[in-house]
């Protein structure tokens, strides 16, 4: 089995500067030192092909960057079964909660511009939400607020099907509910935290959230095939999302952009997600100091680390440091995994949420390191009992997003 253990140590700026850079500001061309061997390529093809063919995933995109060069891009299966349209490298997928990374970066851009302070109370920007008045922006980023998750409420799915979304409607779902715990005392994944950050971005920038990320993230990073759910009607090469129940698969109903918004509304390609990673870690979007802060796990009030940073999870896979986030909407799954010590970034997008999307990226890492995977295929009795519960908590929270609700 793959061993996943969360890091207790605080991540430092070394996470940022460990990535190889090129002077051009764009991904380098593969060289003999970076390109995959024929054997590695065959193992990756086999690993992904096996998962796609043995599950109900209709189609997938996979992209790998190694030491600054894109060394692998593949498309698998179908984007639209009814039209018999295959996935290609230009096919777009909803990427769900990977959006949270973009939202976190937007907040930090506004901090750098002195328009926000991470220790500002939420009431400064969203005064109408009384239960969360004293919550800080930092706690929202770290998911330590106690604010209820609107997507976990029974009324949520009914609302998404029957009414157009809006920030006010999301707020109405939680307005009469107390906090689940005192801010800073626990960690709990809540999409509401990042919805609230979207409104904070609007208040500080005087732009709509979608306009802000289009101008300050997508355009700045060269993400020419990236937009939001609101753009899907005008997008060519948009994949159809599917869901499976009782062994039967069918296209899913889509919900309006505001129901996902700053917690999960981005539409992209695997190649563009790599462009996002590249721009972020090269310091094109933020100072490297801010990127280090963004990828440093948060802490509770008593100093306990949580292993969730600002839109990123920080843990290890088979002893290798990993910085990542997955995502899911109704009919789509995504995974953006970075292995800084190995110089690897792996992005997988699928158009069915029937499997955890990080399964693909983790298996690809194993395919690139077959000796490592074989050597660690044993029980994990030595795992640190103080760390393992946090790992399981993180994974439960993120996988619940895929299986029971969007984002």
Protein backbone atom coordinates (compact mmCIF):
# COMPACT_ATOMS: atom_id res chain seq x y z
CA UNK A 1 0.00 0.00 0.00
CA UNK A 2 1.07 3.59 -0.48
CA UNK A 3 1.99 5.16 2.82
CA UNK A 4 0.71 8.69 3.34
CA UNK A 5 2.00 10.47 6.42
CA UNK A 6 1.60 14.15 7.11
CA UNK A 7 4.57 16.37 7.87
CA UNK A 8 4.78 17.75 11.37
CA UNK A 9 7.63 20.10 10.59
CA UNK A 10 6.84 23.54 9.28
CA UNK A 11 7.56 23.98 5.60
CA UNK A 12 10.10 26.70 4.90
CA UNK A 13 10.97 28.81 1.92
CA UNK A 14 13.03 25.88 0.65
CA UNK A 15 9.78 24.47 -0.69
CA UNK A 16 9.61 27.41 -3.04
CA UNK A 17 13.19 27.74 -4.17
CA UNK A 18 13.68 23.98 -4.62
CA UNK A 19 11.96 24.13 -8.01
CA UNK A 20 14.36 24.39 -10.94
CA UNK A 21 14.04 27.69 -12.79
CA UNK A 22 14.74 28.67 -16.37
CA UNK A 23 15.74 32.12 -17.47
CA UNK A 24 13.00 32.31 -20.10
CA UNK A 25 10.19 32.39 -17.55
CA UNK A 26 8.52 29.44 -19.29
CA UNK A 27 8.82 25.69 -18.90
CA UNK A 28 12.06 24.41 -20.40
CA UNK A 29 12.26 21.93 -23.26
CA UNK A 30 12.87 18.33 -22.17
CA UNK A 31 16.51 17.27 -22.20
CA UNK A 32 18.20 13.94 -21.69
CA UNK A 33 18.34 14.78 -17.98
CA UNK A 34 14.63 15.55 -17.67
CA UNK A 35 12.71 13.51 -20.23
CA UNK A 36 11.11 10.25 -19.21
CA UNK A 37 12.68 7.01 -20.36
CA UNK A 38 10.71 4.71 -22.64
CA UNK A 39 10.20 2.38 -19.68
CA UNK A 40 8.90 5.18 -17.46
CA UNK A 41 6.52 6.37 -20.17
CA UNK A 42 5.23 2.85 -20.67
CA UNK A 43 4.66 2.40 -16.92
CA UNK A 44 2.77 5.70 -16.68
CA UNK A 45 0.64 4.79 -19.71
CA UNK A 46 -0.13 1.41 -18.19
CA UNK A 47 -0.95 2.79 -14.73
CA UNK A 48 -3.35 5.43 -16.01
CA UNK A 49 -4.83 3.16 -18.65
CA UNK A 50 -5.56 0.51 -16.04
CA UNK A 51 -7.34 2.96 -13.75
CA UNK A 52 -9.40 4.48 -16.56
CA UNK A 53 -10.35 1.14 -18.13
CA UNK A 54 -11.13 -0.63 -14.85
CA UNK A 55 -13.28 2.18 -13.45
CA UNK A 56 -16.20 4.12 -14.83
CA UNK A 57 -14.08 7.16 -15.66
CA UNK A 58 -14.99 8.13 -19.24
CA UNK A 59 -12.00 10.35 -19.91
CA UNK A 60 -8.88 11.89 -18.41
CA UNK A 61 -6.02 14.28 -19.02
CA UNK A 62 -2.58 13.88 -17.51
CA UNK A 63 0.42 16.21 -17.58
CA UNK A 64 3.82 15.82 -15.91
CA UNK A 65 6.51 18.44 -15.42
CA UNK A 66 9.97 17.25 -14.40
CA UNK A 67 12.71 19.63 -13.29
CA UNK A 68 11.08 22.54 -15.08
CA UNK A 69 10.22 20.77 -18.36
CA UNK A 70 6.86 19.35 -19.44
CA UNK A 71 7.78 15.74 -20.21
CA UNK A 72 4.42 14.02 -20.56
CA UNK A 73 0.97 15.05 -21.82
CA UNK A 74 -1.73 12.52 -22.63
CA UNK A 75 -5.48 12.42 -23.15
CA UNK A 76 -7.55 9.31 -22.50
CA UNK A 77 -11.11 8.21 -23.27
CA UNK A 78 -14.12 10.31 -24.17
CA UNK A 79 -15.12 13.89 -23.40
CA UNK A 80 -18.71 13.33 -24.54
CA UNK A 81 -20.02 9.79 -24.88
CA UNK A 82 -23.22 10.73 -26.72
CA UNK A 83 -21.30 12.57 -29.43
CA UNK A 84 -18.43 10.07 -29.33
CA UNK A 85 -16.02 12.94 -28.85
CA UNK A 86 -12.59 11.97 -27.54
CA UNK A 87 -10.66 13.84 -24.87
CA UNK A 88 -7.75 15.78 -26.34
CA UNK A 89 -5.13 18.03 -24.80
CA UNK A 90 -7.37 21.08 -25.35
CA UNK A 91 -10.41 19.57 -23.60
CA UNK A 92 -11.46 21.58 -20.55
CA UNK A 93 -12.53 20.16 -17.20
CA UNK A 94 -13.98 21.66 -14.04
CA UNK A 95 -11.16 21.53 -11.47
CA UNK A 96 -13.22 22.11 -8.32
CA UNK A 97 -11.28 22.87 -5.16
CA UNK A 98 -7.97 23.48 -6.90
CA UNK A 99 -9.70 26.86 -7.24
CA UNK A 100 -8.87 27.37 -3.55
CA UNK A 101 -5.19 27.70 -4.45
CA UNK A 102 -6.04 30.55 -6.81
CA UNK A 103 -8.27 32.21 -4.21
CA UNK A 104 -5.49 31.99 -1.62
CA UNK A 105 -3.01 33.53 -4.06
CA UNK A 106 -5.43 36.37 -4.83
CA UNK A 107 -5.76 37.13 -1.11
CA UNK A 108 -1.97 37.20 -0.72
CA UNK A 109 -1.62 39.48 -3.74
CA UNK A 110 -3.94 41.94 -2.00
CA UNK A 111 -1.95 41.56 1.22
CA UNK A 112 1.21 42.44 -0.71
CA UNK A 113 -0.63 45.47 -2.12
CA UNK A 114 -1.49 46.53 1.46
CA UNK A 115 -5.22 46.23 0.80
CA UNK A 116 -5.66 43.35 3.24
CA UNK A 117 -4.08 42.03 6.41
CA UNK A 118 -4.28 38.32 7.22
CA UNK A 119 -5.17 39.17 10.81
CA UNK A 120 -8.12 41.35 9.80
CA UNK A 121 -11.43 40.14 11.24
CA UNK A 122 -14.01 38.88 8.76
CA UNK A 123 -16.55 41.45 9.96
CA UNK A 124 -14.46 44.17 8.31
CA UNK A 125 -15.42 42.77 4.89
CA UNK A 126 -18.57 40.71 5.53
CA UNK A 127 -20.29 42.52 8.42
CA UNK A 128 -23.63 40.84 7.78
CA UNK A 129 -22.32 37.40 8.84
CA UNK A 130 -22.46 37.80 12.61
CA UNK A 131 -21.40 34.28 13.78
CA UNK A 132 -18.03 34.65 12.04
CA UNK A 133 -17.35 38.27 12.95
CA UNK A 134 -14.15 37.57 14.93
CA UNK A 135 -12.73 34.97 12.52
CA UNK A 136 -9.53 36.20 10.86
CA UNK A 137 -8.62 35.95 7.18
CA UNK A 138 -5.67 33.74 8.17
CA UNK A 139 -8.05 31.29 9.88
CA UNK A 140 -10.24 31.25 6.76
CA UNK A 141 -7.20 30.39 4.65
CA UNK A 142 -6.12 27.66 7.10
CA UNK A 143 -9.65 26.21 7.50
CA UNK A 144 -9.61 26.61 11.29
CA UNK A 145 -12.73 28.78 11.64
CA UNK A 146 -15.52 26.49 12.79
CA UNK A 147 -17.78 28.03 10.14
CA UNK A 148 -20.25 25.38 8.90
CA UNK A 149 -19.69 23.97 5.42
CA UNK A 150 -22.64 25.00 3.28
CA UNK A 151 -22.10 22.11 0.85
CA UNK A 152 -22.60 19.59 3.68
CA UNK A 153 -26.08 20.89 4.53
CA UNK A 154 -29.14 18.90 3.39
CA UNK A 155 -30.61 22.04 1.84
CA UNK A 156 -27.59 22.57 -0.39
CA UNK A 157 -28.28 20.06 -3.16
CA UNK A 158 -31.94 21.06 -3.27
CA UNK A 159 -30.89 24.69 -3.59
CA UNK A 160 -28.39 24.08 -6.39
CA UNK A 161 -30.97 22.24 -8.46
CA UNK A 162 -33.87 24.61 -7.93
CA UNK A 163 -32.42 28.12 -7.61
CA UNK A 164 -29.66 30.19 -9.19
CA UNK A 165 -26.67 30.61 -6.92
CA UNK A 166 -25.42 33.77 -5.26
CA UNK A 167 -23.22 34.76 -2.34
CA UNK A 168 -26.31 35.88 -0.45
CA UNK A 169 -28.02 32.51 -0.94
CA UNK A 170 -24.94 30.67 0.31
CA UNK A 171 -24.76 32.93 3.34
CA UNK A 172 -28.46 32.33 4.02
CA UNK A 173 -27.80 28.59 4.29
CA UNK A 174 -25.50 29.09 7.30
CA UNK A 175 -26.66 32.43 8.75
CA UNK A 176 -28.72 30.86 11.55
CA UNK A 177 -26.15 28.20 12.46
CA UNK A 178 -23.59 28.59 15.26
CA UNK A 179 -19.92 27.91 14.66
CA UNK A 180 -18.98 24.23 14.92
CA UNK A 181 -16.10 25.11 17.26
CA UNK A 182 -14.25 28.16 18.54
CA UNK A 183 -12.03 29.65 15.81
CA UNK A 184 -8.45 28.39 15.95
CA UNK A 185 -9.17 25.39 18.18
CA UNK A 186 -9.68 22.76 15.46
CA UNK A 187 -9.22 22.12 11.76
CA UNK A 188 -12.21 21.24 9.57
CA UNK A 189 -12.55 21.48 5.81
CA UNK A 190 -15.28 23.95 4.89
CA UNK A 191 -15.98 25.32 1.44
CA UNK A 192 -17.67 28.27 3.12
CA UNK A 193 -14.28 29.57 4.26
CA UNK A 194 -13.17 30.10 0.68
CA UNK A 195 -16.54 31.47 -0.43
CA UNK A 196 -16.13 34.16 2.23
CA UNK A 197 -12.61 34.86 0.96
CA UNK A 198 -14.11 35.48 -2.47
CA UNK A 199 -16.22 38.28 -1.04
CA UNK A 200 -13.16 39.63 0.81
CA UNK A 201 -11.27 39.76 -2.52
CA UNK A 202 -14.13 41.70 -4.09
CA UNK A 203 -14.30 44.17 -1.21
CA UNK A 204 -10.56 44.85 -1.27
CA UNK A 205 -10.02 44.90 -5.06
CA UNK A 206 -13.26 46.64 -6.13
CA UNK A 207 -13.55 43.98 -8.85
CA UNK A 208 -15.75 40.91 -9.15
CA UNK A 209 -13.99 37.72 -8.10
CA UNK A 210 -14.14 36.27 -11.62
CA UNK A 211 -12.74 39.48 -13.12
CA UNK A 212 -9.96 39.60 -10.56
CA UNK A 213 -8.67 36.07 -11.11
CA UNK A 214 -8.99 36.42 -14.88
CA UNK A 215 -6.83 39.56 -14.87
CA UNK A 216 -4.38 38.91 -12.04
CA UNK A 217 -4.01 35.11 -12.19
CA UNK A 218 -5.04 33.57 -15.53
CA UNK A 219 -3.63 36.31 -17.76
CA UNK A 220 -0.51 36.78 -15.65
CA UNK A 221 0.21 33.03 -15.72
CA UNK A 222 -0.53 32.60 -19.44
CA UNK A 223 -3.48 30.29 -18.73
CA UNK A 224 -5.20 30.86 -22.08
CA UNK A 225 -7.57 27.89 -21.80
CA UNK A 226 -8.81 28.62 -18.30
CA UNK A 227 -12.05 30.28 -17.23
CA UNK A 228 -14.91 29.65 -14.84
CA UNK A 229 -18.12 27.65 -14.83
CA UNK A 230 -19.88 30.86 -15.90
CA UNK A 231 -17.92 30.69 -19.18
CA UNK A 232 -18.78 27.08 -20.06
CA UNK A 233 -21.61 27.94 -22.44
CA UNK A 234 -19.20 29.81 -24.70
CA UNK A 235 -16.31 27.36 -24.35
CA UNK A 236 -15.33 24.98 -27.09
CA UNK A 237 -13.91 21.60 -26.10
CA UNK A 238 -15.71 21.51 -22.74
CA UNK A 239 -15.93 17.96 -21.40
CA UNK A 240 -19.24 16.55 -20.22
CA UNK A 241 -19.30 15.54 -16.58
CA UNK A 242 -20.65 12.11 -15.61
CA UNK A 243 -21.75 10.37 -12.46
CA UNK A 244 -22.17 6.69 -11.74
CA UNK A 245 -24.75 4.96 -9.60
CA UNK A 246 -25.45 1.23 -9.31
CA UNK A 247 -23.04 0.55 -12.14
CA UNK A 248 -24.81 2.91 -14.53
CA UNK A 249 -23.34 6.12 -15.80
CA UNK A 250 -24.98 9.25 -17.14
CA UNK A 251 -24.29 12.94 -17.68
CA UNK A 252 -24.73 15.16 -14.64
CA UNK A 253 -26.83 18.27 -14.27
CA UNK A 254 -24.65 21.35 -13.92
CA UNK A 255 -25.14 24.02 -11.33
CA UNK A 256 -24.59 27.74 -11.70
CA UNK A 257 -21.17 29.28 -11.15
CA UNK A 258 -22.03 31.15 -7.92
CA UNK A 259 -22.76 27.90 -6.06
CA UNK A 260 -19.09 26.93 -6.53
CA UNK A 261 -17.54 30.39 -6.96
CA UNK A 262 -14.28 31.10 -5.11
CA UNK A 263 -14.29 27.63 -3.54
CA UNK A 264 -14.44 25.69 -6.80
CA UNK A 265 -15.57 27.39 -10.03
CA UNK A 266 -12.48 27.21 -12.26
CA UNK A 267 -12.48 25.34 -15.58
CA UNK A 268 -9.09 24.44 -17.07
CA UNK A 269 -6.80 21.91 -18.73
CA UNK A 270 -3.97 19.86 -17.26
CA UNK A 271 -1.45 21.95 -19.20
CA UNK A 272 -2.89 25.19 -17.83
CA UNK A 273 -2.81 23.87 -14.26
CA UNK A 274 0.91 23.23 -14.78
CA UNK A 275 1.21 26.84 -15.98
CA UNK A 276 -0.44 27.92 -12.73
CA UNK A 277 2.06 25.88 -10.70
CA UNK A 278 4.95 27.21 -12.73
CA UNK A 279 3.92 30.87 -12.43
CA UNK A 280 3.27 30.57 -8.71
CA UNK A 281 6.53 28.89 -7.78
CA UNK A 282 8.62 31.10 -10.05
CA UNK A 283 7.39 34.16 -8.20
CA UNK A 284 5.45 35.56 -11.17
CA UNK A 285 2.23 35.95 -9.15
CA UNK A 286 3.55 36.49 -5.62
CA UNK A 287 6.85 37.15 -3.91
CA UNK A 288 8.66 33.96 -2.96
CA UNK A 289 8.17 34.95 0.68
CA UNK A 290 4.40 34.90 0.16
CA UNK A 291 4.59 31.58 -1.69
CA UNK A 292 6.50 30.13 1.27
CA UNK A 293 3.78 31.40 3.60
CA UNK A 294 1.11 29.96 1.32
CA UNK A 295 2.68 26.48 1.46
CA UNK A 296 3.44 26.46 5.17
CA UNK A 297 0.91 24.39 7.16
CA UNK A 298 -1.34 26.32 9.50
CA UNK A 299 -1.39 25.98 13.26
CA UNK A 300 -4.10 25.91 15.88
CA UNK A 301 -4.22 28.38 18.74
CA UNK A 302 -2.18 26.01 20.92
CA UNK A 303 0.55 25.69 18.28
CA UNK A 304 -0.51 22.29 16.92
CA UNK A 305 0.24 22.02 13.17
CA UNK A 306 -2.66 21.03 10.90
CA UNK A 307 -0.88 20.10 7.64
CA UNK A 308 -3.33 22.26 5.66
CA UNK A 309 -1.67 25.42 4.39
CA UNK A 310 -3.40 28.08 2.26
CA UNK A 311 -5.11 26.11 -0.49
CA UNK A 312 -2.49 23.35 -0.27
CA UNK A 313 -2.12 20.12 1.72
CA UNK A 314 1.46 19.35 2.79
CA UNK A 315 2.29 15.70 3.50
CA UNK A 316 4.51 12.83 2.32
CA UNK A 317 4.03 9.88 0.00
CA UNK A 318 6.41 7.01 0.68
CA UNK A 319 8.73 9.43 2.45
CA UNK A 320 8.70 12.00 -0.37
CA UNK A 321 7.45 15.50 0.42
CA UNK A 322 4.22 16.28 -1.38
CA UNK A 323 2.28 19.56 -1.76
CA UNK A 324 -1.14 19.11 -3.30
CA UNK A 325 -4.88 19.59 -3.46
CA UNK A 326 -7.62 17.67 -5.17
CA UNK A 327 -10.97 18.92 -6.38
CA UNK A 328 -14.35 17.73 -7.49
CA UNK A 329 -17.60 19.08 -8.80
CA UNK A 330 -20.66 17.14 -9.89
CA UNK A 331 -19.17 15.01 -12.66
CA UNK A 332 -15.51 16.05 -12.46
CA UNK A 333 -12.41 15.30 -10.40
CA UNK A 334 -8.94 16.85 -10.35
CA UNK A 335 -5.60 16.48 -8.61
CA UNK A 336 -2.59 18.81 -8.59
CA UNK A 337 0.38 17.12 -6.90
CA UNK A 338 3.85 18.57 -6.49
CA UNK A 339 6.88 16.63 -5.24
CA UNK A 340 9.43 19.42 -4.64
CA UNK A 341 12.36 17.25 -3.61
CA UNK A 342 11.89 15.16 -6.78
CA UNK A 343 11.33 18.14 -9.09
CA UNK A 344 7.99 16.64 -10.16
CA UNK A 345 4.55 18.12 -10.74
CA UNK A 346 1.69 15.84 -11.78
CA UNK A 347 -1.78 17.01 -12.81
CA UNK A 348 -4.72 14.69 -13.51
CA UNK A 349 -8.23 15.72 -14.58
CA UNK A 350 -11.19 13.34 -15.02
CA UNK A 351 -14.81 13.76 -16.08
CA UNK A 352 -16.37 11.48 -13.49
CA UNK A 353 -16.03 11.67 -9.73
CA UNK A 354 -16.28 7.91 -9.19
CA UNK A 355 -12.68 7.56 -7.97
CA UNK A 356 -10.54 9.83 -5.79
CA UNK A 357 -8.62 11.87 -8.39
CA UNK A 358 -5.45 11.72 -6.31
CA UNK A 359 -5.41 7.99 -7.07
CA UNK A 360 -4.22 8.83 -10.57
CA UNK A 361 -1.47 11.23 -9.54
CA UNK A 362 -0.23 9.01 -6.72
CA UNK A 363 -0.09 5.97 -9.02
CA UNK A 364 1.79 7.97 -11.63
CA UNK A 365 4.39 8.88 -9.01
CA UNK A 366 4.73 5.19 -8.17
CA UNK A 367 5.07 4.34 -11.87
CA UNK A 368 7.96 6.79 -12.10
CA UNK A 369 9.52 5.24 -8.98
CA UNK A 370 8.74 1.49 -9.19
CA UNK A 371 11.46 0.44 -6.76
CA UNK A 372 10.13 2.84 -4.16
CA UNK A 373 6.58 1.55 -4.48
CA UNK A 374 7.70 -2.06 -4.12
CA UNK A 375 9.96 -1.33 -1.16
CA UNK A 376 7.16 0.33 0.80
CA UNK A 377 4.42 -2.22 0.17
CA UNK A 378 4.10 -3.31 3.77
CA UNK A 379 2.20 -2.51 6.93
CA UNK A 380 2.59 0.92 8.45
CA UNK A 381 2.77 -0.03 12.12
CA UNK A 382 5.56 2.46 12.72
CA UNK A 383 3.45 5.47 11.75
CA UNK A 384 3.50 8.26 14.28
CA UNK A 385 0.19 8.06 16.19
CA UNK A 386 0.25 11.82 16.65
CA UNK A 387 0.44 12.38 12.88
CA UNK A 388 -1.71 9.65 11.31
CA UNK A 389 -5.06 10.95 12.65
CA UNK A 390 -4.40 14.30 10.99
CA UNK A 391 -3.61 12.53 7.72
CA UNK A 392 -6.86 10.61 7.87
CA UNK A 393 -8.79 13.74 8.79
CA UNK A 394 -7.40 15.63 5.81
CA UNK A 395 -8.10 12.76 3.42
CA UNK A 396 -11.63 12.22 4.72
CA UNK A 397 -12.38 15.90 4.33
CA UNK A 398 -11.09 16.15 0.80
CA UNK A 399 -12.55 12.84 -0.39
CA UNK A 400 -15.95 13.74 1.07
CA UNK A 401 -15.88 16.62 -1.38
CA UNK A 402 -15.60 14.18 -4.27
CA UNK A 403 -18.12 11.58 -3.23
CA UNK A 404 -20.92 13.41 -1.48
CA UNK A 405 -20.92 16.95 -2.73
CA UNK A 406 -19.31 19.29 -5.25
CA UNK A 407 -16.17 21.38 -4.75
